């Protein structure tokens, strides 16, 4: 029971972390494109 709960919590955290990294990378790329384009 505890292992299942911990595993589900870790999966949610990992998914949120990957989503945050993808969003941050996309925002940085978009900002650089906006900044470099005349």
PDB file of N, CA and C in Angstrom:
ATOM      1  N   UNK A   1       0.842  -1.195   0.000  1.00  0.00           N
ATOM      2  CA  UNK A   1       0.000   0.000   0.000  1.00  0.00           C
ATOM      3  C   UNK A   1       0.884   1.256   0.000  1.00  0.00           C
ATOM      4  N   UNK A   2       1.804   1.314   0.936  1.00  0.00           N
ATOM      5  CA  UNK A   2       2.681   2.474   1.027  1.00  0.00           C
ATOM      6  C   UNK A   2       3.565   2.577  -0.211  1.00  0.00           C
ATOM      7  N   UNK A   3       4.041   1.420  -0.689  1.00  0.00           N
ATOM      8  CA  UNK A   3       4.898   1.407  -1.878  1.00  0.00           C
ATOM      9  C   UNK A   3       4.128   1.897  -3.109  1.00  0.00           C
ATOM     10  N   UNK A   4       2.869   1.472  -3.213  1.00  0.00           N
ATOM     11  CA  UNK A   4       2.043   1.887  -4.352  1.00  0.00           C
ATOM     12  C   UNK A   4       1.792   3.393  -4.308  1.00  0.00           C
ATOM     13  N   UNK A   5       1.513   3.915  -3.118  1.00  0.00           N
ATOM     14  CA  UNK A   5       1.261   5.344  -2.962  1.00  0.00           C
ATOM     15  C   UNK A   5       2.515   6.141  -3.305  1.00  0.00           C
ATOM     16  N   UNK A   6       3.661   5.679  -2.809  1.00  0.00           N
ATOM     17  CA  UNK A   6       4.920   6.365  -3.075  1.00  0.00           C
ATOM     18  C   UNK A   6       5.254   6.312  -4.563  1.00  0.00           C
ATOM     19  N   UNK A   7       4.988   5.173  -5.194  1.00  0.00           N
ATOM     20  CA  UNK A   7       5.278   5.013  -6.617  1.00  0.00           C
ATOM     21  C   UNK A   7       4.404   5.952  -7.457  1.00  0.00           C
ATOM     22  N   UNK A   8       3.131   6.060  -7.102  1.00  0.00           N
ATOM     23  CA  UNK A   8       2.232   6.957  -7.822  1.00  0.00           C
ATOM     24  C   UNK A   8       2.647   8.410  -7.630  1.00  0.00           C
ATOM     25  N   UNK A   9       3.054   8.775  -6.415  1.00  0.00           N
ATOM     26  CA  UNK A   9       3.487  10.141  -6.127  1.00  0.00           C
ATOM     27  C   UNK A   9       4.742  10.476  -6.923  1.00  0.00           C
ATOM     28  N   UNK A  10       5.669   9.515  -7.013  1.00  0.00           N
ATOM     29  CA  UNK A  10       6.905   9.728  -7.757  1.00  0.00           C
ATOM     30  C   UNK A  10       6.616   9.889  -9.245  1.00  0.00           C
ATOM     31  N   UNK A  11       5.664   9.101  -9.757  1.00  0.00           N
ATOM     32  CA  UNK A  11       5.298   9.206 -11.171  1.00  0.00           C
ATOM     33  C   UNK A  11       4.699  10.576 -11.469  1.00  0.00           C
ATOM     34  N   UNK A  12       3.853  11.079 -10.581  1.00  0.00           N
ATOM     35  CA  UNK A  12       3.241  12.394 -10.772  1.00  0.00           C
ATOM     36  C   UNK A  12       4.321  13.476 -10.736  1.00  0.00           C
ATOM     37  N   UNK A  13       5.245  13.367  -9.775  1.00  0.00           N
ATOM     38  CA  UNK A  13       6.304  14.356  -9.671  1.00  0.00           C
ATOM     39  C   UNK A  13       7.200  14.325 -10.904  1.00  0.00           C
ATOM     40  N   UNK A  14       7.509  13.123 -11.387  1.00  0.00           N
ATOM     41  CA  UNK A  14       8.363  12.984 -12.560  1.00  0.00           C
ATOM     42  C   UNK A  14       7.672  13.581 -13.783  1.00  0.00           C
ATOM     43  N   UNK A  15       6.371  13.340 -13.918  1.00  0.00           N
ATOM     44  CA  UNK A  15       5.615  13.882 -15.051  1.00  0.00           C
ATOM     45  C   UNK A  15       5.578  15.410 -14.986  1.00  0.00           C
ATOM     46  N   UNK A  16       5.357  15.954 -13.787  1.00  0.00           N
ATOM     47  CA  UNK A  16       5.327  17.405 -13.629  1.00  0.00           C
ATOM     48  C   UNK A  16       6.696  18.006 -13.920  1.00  0.00           C
ATOM     49  N   UNK A  17       7.766  17.304 -13.516  1.00  0.00           N
ATOM     50  CA  UNK A  17       9.121  17.794 -13.748  1.00  0.00           C
ATOM     51  C   UNK A  17       9.428  17.825 -15.239  1.00  0.00           C
ATOM     52  N   UNK A  18       9.044  16.746 -15.954  1.00  0.00           N
ATOM     53  CA  UNK A  18       9.292  16.690 -17.397  1.00  0.00           C
ATOM     54  C   UNK A  18       8.469  17.752 -18.126  1.00  0.00           C
ATOM     55  N   UNK A  19       7.231  17.955 -17.686  1.00  0.00           N
ATOM     56  CA  UNK A  19       6.386  18.973 -18.305  1.00  0.00           C
ATOM     57  C   UNK A  19       6.968  20.360 -18.070  1.00  0.00           C
ATOM     58  N   UNK A  20       7.486  20.591 -16.850  1.00  0.00           N
ATOM     59  CA  UNK A  20       8.089  21.881 -16.523  1.00  0.00           C
ATOM     60  C   UNK A  20       9.332  22.125 -17.364  1.00  0.00           C
ATOM     61  N   UNK A  21      10.158  21.085 -17.522  1.00  0.00           N
ATOM     62  CA  UNK A  21      11.371  21.218 -18.329  1.00  0.00           C
ATOM     63  C   UNK A  21      11.016  21.482 -19.792  1.00  0.00           C
ATOM     64  N   UNK A  22      10.003  20.789 -20.310  1.00  0.00           N
ATOM     65  CA  UNK A  22       9.600  20.981 -21.706  1.00  0.00           C
ATOM     66  C   UNK A  22       9.050  22.401 -21.910  1.00  0.00           C
ATOM     67  N   UNK A  23       8.236  22.856 -20.981  1.00  0.00           N
ATOM     68  CA  UNK A  23       7.680  24.202 -21.075  1.00  0.00           C
ATOM     69  C   UNK A  23       8.763  25.261 -20.968  1.00  0.00           C
ATOM     70  N   UNK A  24       9.712  25.061 -20.057  1.00  0.00           N
ATOM     71  CA  UNK A  24      10.796  26.020 -19.886  1.00  0.00           C
ATOM     72  C   UNK A  24      11.660  26.069 -21.141  1.00  0.00           C
ATOM     73  N   UNK A  25      11.973  24.906 -21.694  1.00  0.00           N
ATOM     74  CA  UNK A  25      12.786  24.847 -22.911  1.00  0.00           C
ATOM     75  C   UNK A  25      12.073  25.524 -24.079  1.00  0.00           C
ATOM     76  N   UNK A  26      10.774  25.283 -24.188  1.00  0.00           N
ATOM     77  CA  UNK A  26      10.001  25.906 -25.262  1.00  0.00           C
ATOM     78  C   UNK A  26       9.961  27.425 -25.087  1.00  0.00           C
ATOM     79  N   UNK A  27       9.799  27.891 -23.850  1.00  0.00           N
ATOM     80  CA  UNK A  27       9.749  29.328 -23.588  1.00  0.00           C
ATOM     81  C   UNK A  27      11.084  29.987 -23.912  1.00  0.00           C
ATOM     82  N   UNK A  28      12.189  29.329 -23.530  1.00  0.00           N
ATOM     83  CA  UNK A  28      13.520  29.877 -23.811  1.00  0.00           C
ATOM     84  C   UNK A  28      13.756  29.926 -25.323  1.00  0.00           C
ATOM     85  N   UNK A  29      13.387  28.849 -26.021  1.00  0.00           N
ATOM     86  CA  UNK A  29      13.567  28.819 -27.477  1.00  0.00           C
ATOM     87  C   UNK A  29      12.709  29.899 -28.143  1.00  0.00           C
ATOM     88  N   UNK A  30      11.487  30.062 -27.687  1.00  0.00           N
ATOM     89  CA  UNK A  30      10.599  31.082 -28.244  1.00  0.00           C
ATOM     90  C   UNK A  30      11.147  32.483 -27.976  1.00  0.00           C
ATOM     91  N   UNK A  31      11.657  32.712 -26.773  1.00  0.00           N
ATOM     92  CA  UNK A  31      12.209  34.020 -26.420  1.00  0.00           C
ATOM     93  C   UNK A  31      13.450  34.327 -27.254  1.00  0.00           C
ATOM     94  N   UNK A  32      14.318  33.322 -27.431  1.00  0.00           N
ATOM     95  CA  UNK A  32      15.523  33.525 -28.238  1.00  0.00           C
ATOM     96  C   UNK A  32      15.159  33.800 -29.694  1.00  0.00           C
ATOM     97  N   UNK A  33      14.170  33.073 -30.208  1.00  0.00           N
ATOM     98  CA  UNK A  33      13.737  33.302 -31.590  1.00  0.00           C
ATOM     99  C   UNK A  33      13.166  34.712 -31.734  1.00  0.00           C
ATOM    100  N   UNK A  34      12.366  35.128 -30.767  1.00  0.00           N
ATOM    101  CA  UNK A  34      11.774  36.458 -30.805  1.00  0.00           C
ATOM    102  C   UNK A  34      12.859  37.531 -30.693  1.00  0.00           C
ATOM    103  N   UNK A  35      13.886  37.255 -29.903  1.00  0.00           N
ATOM    104  CA  UNK A  35      14.953  38.225 -29.669  1.00  0.00           C
ATOM    105  C   UNK A  35      15.907  38.311 -30.861  1.00  0.00           C
ATOM    106  N   UNK A  36      16.178  37.162 -31.495  1.00  0.00           N
ATOM    107  CA  UNK A  36      17.131  37.141 -32.607  1.00  0.00           C
ATOM    108  C   UNK A  36      16.499  37.578 -33.922  1.00  0.00           C
ATOM    109  N   UNK A  37      15.189  37.379 -34.061  1.00  0.00           N
ATOM    110  CA  UNK A  37      14.533  37.795 -35.301  1.00  0.00           C
ATOM    111  C   UNK A  37      14.366  39.314 -35.315  1.00  0.00           C
ATOM    112  N   UNK A  38      14.659  39.954 -36.434  1.00  0.00           N
ATOM    113  CA  UNK A  38      14.551  41.420 -36.510  1.00  0.00           C
ATOM    114  C   UNK A  38      13.096  41.897 -36.635  1.00  0.00           C
TER     115      UNK A  38
END
